[in-house]
Amino acid sequence: MPKIRSHRGTQKRFRLSGTGKLLRRGAFQSHMLEGKSAKRKRGYAKMYQVTPGEARQVRRDAPKLVH
């Protein structure tokens, strides 16, 4: 039986919080930033919790996900 391979892209995009919840980066922060207010850009910089339905898929793709 072959080893289970973690999806490398998933491991790079998600991380665990101290309490074990999955976190993701906010969207809309990569380009066209001149037209966005500083307040908006600060909001995009936060880490967001992954929804329970998506968390199941992320954990399946990267079972060895660590900090």
Protein backbone atom coordinates (compact mmCIF):
# COMPACT_ATOMS: atom_id res chain seq x y z
CA MET A 1 0.00 0.00 0.00
CA PRO A 2 1.54 3.36 -1.00
CA LYS A 3 1.99 6.22 1.45
CA ILE A 4 -0.70 8.91 1.67
CA ARG A 5 0.64 12.10 0.10
CA SER A 6 -0.37 15.50 1.38
CA HIS A 7 -1.47 18.04 -1.22
CA ARG A 8 1.45 20.47 -1.14
CA GLY A 9 -0.59 23.49 -2.30
CA THR A 10 -3.08 22.93 0.51
CA GLN A 11 -0.32 22.71 3.10
CA LYS A 12 1.09 26.05 1.95
CA ARG A 13 -2.27 27.87 1.98
CA PHE A 14 -3.67 26.81 5.35
CA ARG A 15 -2.43 26.63 8.92
CA LEU A 16 -3.78 25.67 12.33
CA SER A 17 -4.62 28.04 15.14
CA GLY A 18 -3.51 27.31 18.70
CA THR A 19 -6.84 25.62 19.39
CA GLY A 20 -6.68 23.47 16.24
CA LYS A 21 -8.97 25.47 13.95
CA LEU A 22 -8.03 25.84 10.29
CA LEU A 23 -7.09 29.34 9.14
CA ARG A 24 -6.82 30.81 5.66
CA ARG A 25 -5.58 34.10 4.24
CA GLY A 26 -8.06 36.80 3.24
CA ALA A 27 -8.81 37.41 -0.43
CA PHE A 28 -8.50 40.62 -2.52
CA GLN A 29 -5.07 41.65 -1.20
CA SER A 30 -2.78 40.85 -4.09
CA HIS A 31 -3.30 43.59 -6.71
CA MET A 32 -5.16 46.83 -7.59
CA LEU A 33 -4.51 48.13 -4.07
CA GLU A 34 -4.30 51.85 -4.97
CA GLY A 35 -8.07 52.20 -5.23
CA LYS A 36 -8.73 50.55 -1.87
CA SER A 37 -8.74 52.39 1.43
CA ALA A 38 -6.20 51.59 4.12
CA LYS A 39 -9.02 50.34 6.35
CA ARG A 40 -10.13 47.88 3.68
CA LYS A 41 -6.58 46.64 3.11
CA ARG A 42 -6.05 46.08 6.84
CA GLY A 43 -9.16 43.95 6.90
CA TYR A 44 -7.87 41.81 4.04
CA ALA A 45 -4.62 41.14 5.93
CA LYS A 46 -6.39 39.14 8.67
CA MET A 47 -6.49 35.36 8.85
CA TYR A 48 -9.97 33.88 8.57
CA GLN A 49 -11.38 30.65 9.89
CA VAL A 50 -12.25 28.00 7.29
CA THR A 51 -15.94 27.02 7.22
CA PRO A 52 -16.76 23.55 8.57
CA GLY A 53 -17.71 22.18 5.15
CA GLU A 54 -14.46 23.28 3.57
CA ALA A 55 -12.42 22.28 6.62
CA ARG A 56 -13.34 18.63 6.03
CA GLN A 57 -11.90 18.78 2.51
CA VAL A 58 -8.75 20.63 3.62
CA ARG A 59 -8.08 18.05 6.34
CA ARG A 60 -8.50 15.26 3.79
CA ASP A 61 -6.04 16.92 1.38
CA ALA A 62 -3.45 17.64 4.08
CA PRO A 63 -3.83 15.20 6.98
CA LYS A 64 -0.39 16.07 8.37
CA LEU A 65 -1.09 19.82 8.52
CA VAL A 66 0.91 21.38 11.36
CA HIS A 67 1.81 24.93 12.40
